[in-house]
Amino acid sequence: MIKQALLAVFLAFMIGGFVLIWDSPPEAFLRQTSSQMDGDSQADSYMTKVTSQRFSQLGSEQFNLSSPRIEFFQGESTVKVQQPRFLAQGDASHPIALTADSGLLDSASGQLELQNNVLAQMTNAAGAATLTTERLTFLIDSSVAITDQPFNMLSERGKASGTGLRIDLVNETYAIQSKVRVTHDPR
């Protein structure tokens, strides 16, 4: 009699388990991903105290990038740069020095995207100028700087502010998109 009772209990558990599995959705059997994957992804590798240079085909220095930490992500052409210091020498007569709190360098598209406390120091035929903004994209191959954020620019001959700016360093053109305020000293 005890054997029959144990067999009945065992069969009830087996049938109950089978029904439970049969009625469960397939997602219930998949492993749950950690919440860390939903936020910022973790770098596959990183380097500290980095100084990197890139040269043109003719051997002249195109740019110099230094950072206390650069993070790499597998399968992506972008690297995350902390406190980047970027000096572009594409055309020696139009250098630009860029600093920011963080940035992304995309080697496939030749873009450097800077964020938070961006400072650009430029030199052209008219003299030196300093630009501040919160976000700036620099196109390395064409020496073009673009922002859609509010900015302030101070030069030896005046100051300018507005929202949205495109600077072509090679052709020395500046295009302000909106909310333009310029003070110019012709000297």
C-alpha atoms as a PDB file:
ATOM      1  CA  MET A   1       0.000   0.000   0.000  1.00  0.00           C
ATOM      2  CA  ILE A   2       2.849   2.441   0.743  1.00  0.00           C
ATOM      3  CA  LYS A   3       4.391   1.609  -2.634  1.00  0.00           C
ATOM      4  CA  GLN A   4       1.139   2.407  -4.402  1.00  0.00           C
ATOM      5  CA  ALA A   5       0.784   5.721  -2.519  1.00  0.00           C
ATOM      6  CA  LEU A   6       4.387   6.701  -3.379  1.00  0.00           C
ATOM      7  CA  LEU A   7       3.800   5.736  -7.034  1.00  0.00           C
ATOM      8  CA  ALA A   8       0.606   7.846  -7.122  1.00  0.00           C
ATOM      9  CA  VAL A   9       2.425  10.864  -5.590  1.00  0.00           C
ATOM     10  CA  PHE A  10       5.339  10.404  -8.022  1.00  0.00           C
ATOM     11  CA  LEU A  11       2.968  10.215 -11.017  1.00  0.00           C
ATOM     12  CA  ALA A  12       1.083  13.306  -9.795  1.00  0.00           C
ATOM     13  CA  PHE A  13       4.366  15.243  -9.591  1.00  0.00           C
ATOM     14  CA  MET A  14       5.420  14.043 -13.064  1.00  0.00           C
ATOM     15  CA  ILE A  15       2.089  14.981 -14.635  1.00  0.00           C
ATOM     16  CA  GLY A  16       2.053  18.341 -12.814  1.00  0.00           C
ATOM     17  CA  GLY A  17       5.611  19.098 -13.994  1.00  0.00           C
ATOM     18  CA  PHE A  18       4.745  18.115 -17.569  1.00  0.00           C
ATOM     19  CA  VAL A  19       1.665  20.382 -17.566  1.00  0.00           C
ATOM     20  CA  LEU A  20       3.694  23.230 -16.034  1.00  0.00           C
ATOM     21  CA  ILE A  21       6.393  22.960 -18.728  1.00  0.00           C
ATOM     22  CA  TRP A  22       3.813  22.542 -21.508  1.00  0.00           C
ATOM     23  CA  ASP A  23       1.929  25.701 -20.507  1.00  0.00           C
ATOM     24  CA  SER A  24       5.064  27.864 -19.973  1.00  0.00           C
ATOM     25  CA  PRO A  25       6.106  30.351 -22.682  1.00  0.00           C
ATOM     26  CA  PRO A  26       9.435  29.615 -24.419  1.00  0.00           C
ATOM     27  CA  GLU A  27      10.989  32.847 -23.002  1.00  0.00           C
ATOM     28  CA  ALA A  28      10.753  31.350 -19.524  1.00  0.00           C
ATOM     29  CA  PHE A  29      13.526  28.886 -20.429  1.00  0.00           C
ATOM     30  CA  LEU A  30      15.960  31.468 -21.866  1.00  0.00           C
ATOM     31  CA  ARG A  31      18.728  32.932 -19.727  1.00  0.00           C
ATOM     32  CA  GLN A  32      18.062  36.432 -18.511  1.00  0.00           C
ATOM     33  CA  THR A  33      20.550  39.076 -19.708  1.00  0.00           C
ATOM     34  CA  SER A  34      22.066  41.226 -17.027  1.00  0.00           C
ATOM     35  CA  SER A  35      20.876  44.792 -16.597  1.00  0.00           C
ATOM     36  CA  GLN A  36      24.454  45.925 -17.249  1.00  0.00           C
ATOM     37  CA  MET A  37      24.042  45.030 -20.924  1.00  0.00           C
ATOM     38  CA  ASP A  38      21.043  47.360 -21.233  1.00  0.00           C
ATOM     39  CA  GLY A  39      23.049  50.406 -20.054  1.00  0.00           C
ATOM     40  CA  ASP A  40      26.519  51.371 -21.193  1.00  0.00           C
ATOM     41  CA  SER A  41      28.294  48.442 -22.763  1.00  0.00           C
ATOM     42  CA  GLN A  42      31.575  47.361 -21.271  1.00  0.00           C
ATOM     43  CA  ALA A  43      34.741  47.879 -23.267  1.00  0.00           C
ATOM     44  CA  ASP A  44      36.500  44.790 -24.603  1.00  0.00           C
ATOM     45  CA  SER A  45      39.887  46.384 -23.983  1.00  0.00           C
ATOM     46  CA  TYR A  46      41.358  49.712 -23.003  1.00  0.00           C
ATOM     47  CA  MET A  47      44.644  51.600 -22.876  1.00  0.00           C
ATOM     48  CA  THR A  48      45.772  54.281 -20.451  1.00  0.00           C
ATOM     49  CA  LYS A  49      48.039  57.301 -20.962  1.00  0.00           C
ATOM     50  CA  VAL A  50      47.703  57.110 -24.748  1.00  0.00           C
ATOM     51  CA  THR A  51      49.380  59.269 -27.370  1.00  0.00           C
ATOM     52  CA  SER A  52      48.594  58.379 -30.968  1.00  0.00           C
ATOM     53  CA  GLN A  53      49.675  59.960 -34.238  1.00  0.00           C
ATOM     54  CA  ARG A  54      48.377  59.543 -37.778  1.00  0.00           C
ATOM     55  CA  PHE A  55      50.415  60.414 -40.840  1.00  0.00           C
ATOM     56  CA  SER A  56      49.382  61.174 -44.416  1.00  0.00           C
ATOM     57  CA  GLN A  57      50.621  59.150 -47.385  1.00  0.00           C
ATOM     58  CA  LEU A  58      53.285  61.814 -47.944  1.00  0.00           C
ATOM     59  CA  GLY A  59      54.564  61.366 -44.390  1.00  0.00           C
ATOM     60  CA  SER A  60      53.325  64.582 -42.805  1.00  0.00           C
ATOM     61  CA  GLU A  61      51.530  64.393 -39.472  1.00  0.00           C
ATOM     62  CA  GLN A  62      47.729  64.613 -39.872  1.00  0.00           C
ATOM     63  CA  PHE A  63      46.839  64.598 -36.196  1.00  0.00           C
ATOM     64  CA  ASN A  64      48.011  63.824 -32.701  1.00  0.00           C
ATOM     65  CA  LEU A  65      45.590  62.416 -30.108  1.00  0.00           C
ATOM     66  CA  SER A  66      46.348  61.994 -26.421  1.00  0.00           C
ATOM     67  CA  SER A  67      44.081  60.727 -23.655  1.00  0.00           C
ATOM     68  CA  PRO A  68      44.334  59.298 -20.147  1.00  0.00           C
ATOM     69  CA  ARG A  69      42.103  56.365 -21.250  1.00  0.00           C
ATOM     70  CA  ILE A  70      40.813  54.968 -24.551  1.00  0.00           C
ATOM     71  CA  GLU A  71      38.278  52.103 -24.656  1.00  0.00           C
ATOM     72  CA  PHE A  72      37.856  49.685 -27.566  1.00  0.00           C
ATOM     73  CA  PHE A  73      34.733  47.715 -28.479  1.00  0.00           C
ATOM     74  CA  GLN A  74      34.917  44.466 -30.483  1.00  0.00           C
ATOM     75  CA  GLY A  75      33.396  44.662 -33.952  1.00  0.00           C
ATOM     76  CA  GLU A  76      33.100  48.474 -33.925  1.00  0.00           C
ATOM     77  CA  SER A  77      35.244  51.059 -35.657  1.00  0.00           C
ATOM     78  CA  THR A  78      34.754  53.602 -32.869  1.00  0.00           C
ATOM     79  CA  VAL A  79      36.817  54.065 -29.741  1.00  0.00           C
ATOM     80  CA  LYS A  80      35.672  55.932 -26.642  1.00  0.00           C
ATOM     81  CA  VAL A  81      38.142  58.590 -25.554  1.00  0.00           C
ATOM     82  CA  GLN A  82      38.233  60.181 -22.104  1.00  0.00           C
ATOM     83  CA  GLN A  83      39.464  63.788 -21.861  1.00  0.00           C
ATOM     84  CA  PRO A  84      40.812  63.841 -25.425  1.00  0.00           C
ATOM     85  CA  ARG A  85      43.441  66.320 -26.576  1.00  0.00           C
ATOM     86  CA  PHE A  86      43.396  66.420 -30.361  1.00  0.00           C
ATOM     87  CA  LEU A  87      45.757  68.465 -32.532  1.00  0.00           C
ATOM     88  CA  ALA A  88      45.009  68.398 -36.268  1.00  0.00           C
ATOM     89  CA  GLN A  89      47.857  69.373 -38.560  1.00  0.00           C
ATOM     90  CA  GLY A  90      46.220  68.403 -41.871  1.00  0.00           C
ATOM     91  CA  ASP A  91      47.235  71.735 -43.363  1.00  0.00           C
ATOM     92  CA  ALA A  92      50.059  73.331 -41.351  1.00  0.00           C
ATOM     93  CA  SER A  93      48.677  76.835 -41.987  1.00  0.00           C
ATOM     94  CA  HIS A  94      45.290  75.895 -40.420  1.00  0.00           C
ATOM     95  CA  PRO A  95      45.940  73.886 -37.228  1.00  0.00           C
ATOM     96  CA  ILE A  96      43.184  73.216 -34.694  1.00  0.00           C
ATOM     97  CA  ALA A  97      43.559  72.022 -31.107  1.00  0.00           C
ATOM     98  CA  LEU A  98      40.497  70.361 -29.539  1.00  0.00           C
ATOM     99  CA  THR A  99      39.834  69.314 -25.940  1.00  0.00           C
ATOM    100  CA  ALA A 100      36.710  67.941 -24.226  1.00  0.00           C
ATOM    101  CA  ASP A 101      35.559  65.780 -21.338  1.00  0.00           C
ATOM    102  CA  SER A 102      34.833  62.789 -23.609  1.00  0.00           C
ATOM    103  CA  GLY A 103      34.675  61.794 -27.232  1.00  0.00           C
ATOM    104  CA  LEU A 104      34.235  59.076 -29.846  1.00  0.00           C
ATOM    105  CA  LEU A 105      36.748  58.562 -32.638  1.00  0.00           C
ATOM    106  CA  ASP A 106      35.355  56.698 -35.655  1.00  0.00           C
ATOM    107  CA  SER A 107      38.277  55.597 -37.813  1.00  0.00           C
ATOM    108  CA  ALA A 108      36.001  54.274 -40.594  1.00  0.00           C
ATOM    109  CA  SER A 109      34.316  57.634 -41.228  1.00  0.00           C
ATOM    110  CA  GLY A 110      37.209  59.844 -40.101  1.00  0.00           C
ATOM    111  CA  GLN A 111      35.094  61.646 -37.476  1.00  0.00           C
ATOM    112  CA  LEU A 112      35.880  62.779 -33.978  1.00  0.00           C
ATOM    113  CA  GLU A 113      32.772  63.550 -31.900  1.00  0.00           C
ATOM    114  CA  LEU A 114      33.490  65.562 -28.765  1.00  0.00           C
ATOM    115  CA  GLN A 115      31.107  66.112 -25.835  1.00  0.00           C
ATOM    116  CA  ASN A 116      30.958  68.270 -22.713  1.00  0.00           C
ATOM    117  CA  ASN A 117      33.134  71.349 -22.251  1.00  0.00           C
ATOM    118  CA  VAL A 118      34.477  71.351 -25.803  1.00  0.00           C
ATOM    119  CA  LEU A 119      37.242  73.874 -26.444  1.00  0.00           C
ATOM    120  CA  ALA A 120      38.635  74.494 -29.937  1.00  0.00           C
ATOM    121  CA  GLN A 121      41.644  76.710 -30.559  1.00  0.00           C
ATOM    122  CA  MET A 122      42.081  77.595 -34.234  1.00  0.00           C
ATOM    123  CA  THR A 123      44.583  79.622 -36.241  1.00  0.00           C
ATOM    124  CA  ASN A 124      43.931  81.110 -39.674  1.00  0.00           C
ATOM    125  CA  ALA A 125      45.028  84.081 -41.776  1.00  0.00           C
ATOM    126  CA  ALA A 126      42.990  86.482 -39.584  1.00  0.00           C
ATOM    127  CA  GLY A 127      44.658  85.214 -36.394  1.00  0.00           C
ATOM    128  CA  ALA A 128      43.755  82.948 -33.500  1.00  0.00           C
ATOM    129  CA  ALA A 129      40.220  82.119 -32.349  1.00  0.00           C
ATOM    130  CA  THR A 130      38.800  80.146 -29.431  1.00  0.00           C
ATOM    131  CA  LEU A 131      35.481  78.283 -29.671  1.00  0.00           C
ATOM    132  CA  THR A 132      33.512  76.805 -26.744  1.00  0.00           C
ATOM    133  CA  THR A 133      30.450  74.549 -27.029  1.00  0.00           C
ATOM    134  CA  GLU A 134      28.989  71.367 -25.522  1.00  0.00           C
ATOM    135  CA  ARG A 135      29.208  69.113 -28.593  1.00  0.00           C
ATOM    136  CA  LEU A 136      31.358  69.259 -31.738  1.00  0.00           C
ATOM    137  CA  THR A 137      32.028  66.918 -34.659  1.00  0.00           C
ATOM    138  CA  PHE A 138      35.373  67.263 -36.426  1.00  0.00           C
ATOM    139  CA  LEU A 139      35.803  65.715 -39.896  1.00  0.00           C
ATOM    140  CA  ILE A 140      39.491  64.838 -39.939  1.00  0.00           C
ATOM    141  CA  ASP A 141      40.111  64.431 -43.671  1.00  0.00           C
ATOM    142  CA  SER A 142      38.366  67.667 -44.719  1.00  0.00           C
ATOM    143  CA  SER A 143      39.255  69.814 -41.624  1.00  0.00           C
ATOM    144  CA  VAL A 144      35.615  70.755 -41.011  1.00  0.00           C
ATOM    145  CA  ALA A 145      34.151  71.350 -37.537  1.00  0.00           C
ATOM    146  CA  ILE A 146      30.368  71.186 -37.019  1.00  0.00           C
ATOM    147  CA  THR A 147      28.103  71.778 -34.028  1.00  0.00           C
ATOM    148  CA  ASP A 148      24.336  72.100 -33.676  1.00  0.00           C
ATOM    149  CA  GLN A 149      24.657  73.402 -30.104  1.00  0.00           C
ATOM    150  CA  PRO A 150      24.949  76.958 -28.757  1.00  0.00           C
ATOM    151  CA  PHE A 151      28.531  78.233 -29.020  1.00  0.00           C
ATOM    152  CA  ASN A 152      30.775  81.198 -28.224  1.00  0.00           C
ATOM    153  CA  MET A 153      33.768  82.177 -30.338  1.00  0.00           C
ATOM    154  CA  LEU A 154      36.335  84.771 -29.368  1.00  0.00           C
ATOM    155  CA  SER A 155      39.018  86.060 -31.743  1.00  0.00           C
ATOM    156  CA  GLU A 156      41.464  88.946 -31.892  1.00  0.00           C
ATOM    157  CA  ARG A 157      38.984  90.881 -34.033  1.00  0.00           C
ATOM    158  CA  GLY A 158      35.746  90.249 -32.166  1.00  0.00           C
ATOM    159  CA  LYS A 159      33.375  87.715 -30.748  1.00  0.00           C
ATOM    160  CA  ALA A 160      30.491  85.667 -32.093  1.00  0.00           C
ATOM    161  CA  SER A 161      27.781  83.506 -30.555  1.00  0.00           C
ATOM    162  CA  GLY A 162      24.831  81.562 -31.857  1.00  0.00           C
ATOM    163  CA  THR A 163      23.388  78.106 -32.293  1.00  0.00           C
ATOM    164  CA  GLY A 164      24.778  75.787 -34.942  1.00  0.00           C
ATOM    165  CA  LEU A 165      28.114  76.391 -36.625  1.00  0.00           C
ATOM    166  CA  ARG A 166      30.088  74.928 -39.531  1.00  0.00           C
ATOM    167  CA  ILE A 167      33.766  75.840 -39.862  1.00  0.00           C
ATOM    168  CA  ASP A 168      35.798  74.894 -42.935  1.00  0.00           C
ATOM    169  CA  LEU A 169      39.388  75.485 -41.848  1.00  0.00           C
ATOM    170  CA  VAL A 170      40.921  74.967 -45.294  1.00  0.00           C
ATOM    171  CA  ASN A 171      38.639  77.480 -47.071  1.00  0.00           C
ATOM    172  CA  GLU A 172      38.379  79.663 -43.933  1.00  0.00           C
ATOM    173  CA  THR A 173      34.571  79.846 -44.020  1.00  0.00           C
ATOM    174  CA  TYR A 174      32.278  80.108 -41.000  1.00  0.00           C
ATOM    175  CA  ALA A 175      28.521  79.491 -41.266  1.00  0.00           C
ATOM    176  CA  ILE A 176      26.363  80.263 -38.219  1.00  0.00           C
ATOM    177  CA  GLN A 177      22.886  78.675 -38.334  1.00  0.00           C
ATOM    178  CA  SER A 178      20.725  80.731 -35.935  1.00  0.00           C
ATOM    179  CA  LYS A 179      20.584  83.184 -33.011  1.00  0.00           C
ATOM    180  CA  VAL A 180      23.575  85.051 -34.434  1.00  0.00           C
ATOM    181  CA  ARG A 181      25.338  87.729 -32.381  1.00  0.00           C
ATOM    182  CA  VAL A 182      28.598  89.118 -33.738  1.00  0.00           C
ATOM    183  CA  THR A 183      30.801  91.973 -32.596  1.00  0.00           C
ATOM    184  CA  HIS A 184      33.592  92.830 -35.032  1.00  0.00           C
ATOM    185  CA  ASP A 185      36.574  95.179 -34.571  1.00  0.00           C
ATOM    186  CA  PRO A 186      37.920  96.077 -38.063  1.00  0.00           C
ATOM    187  CA  ARG A 187      41.263  97.525 -36.795  1.00  0.00           C
END
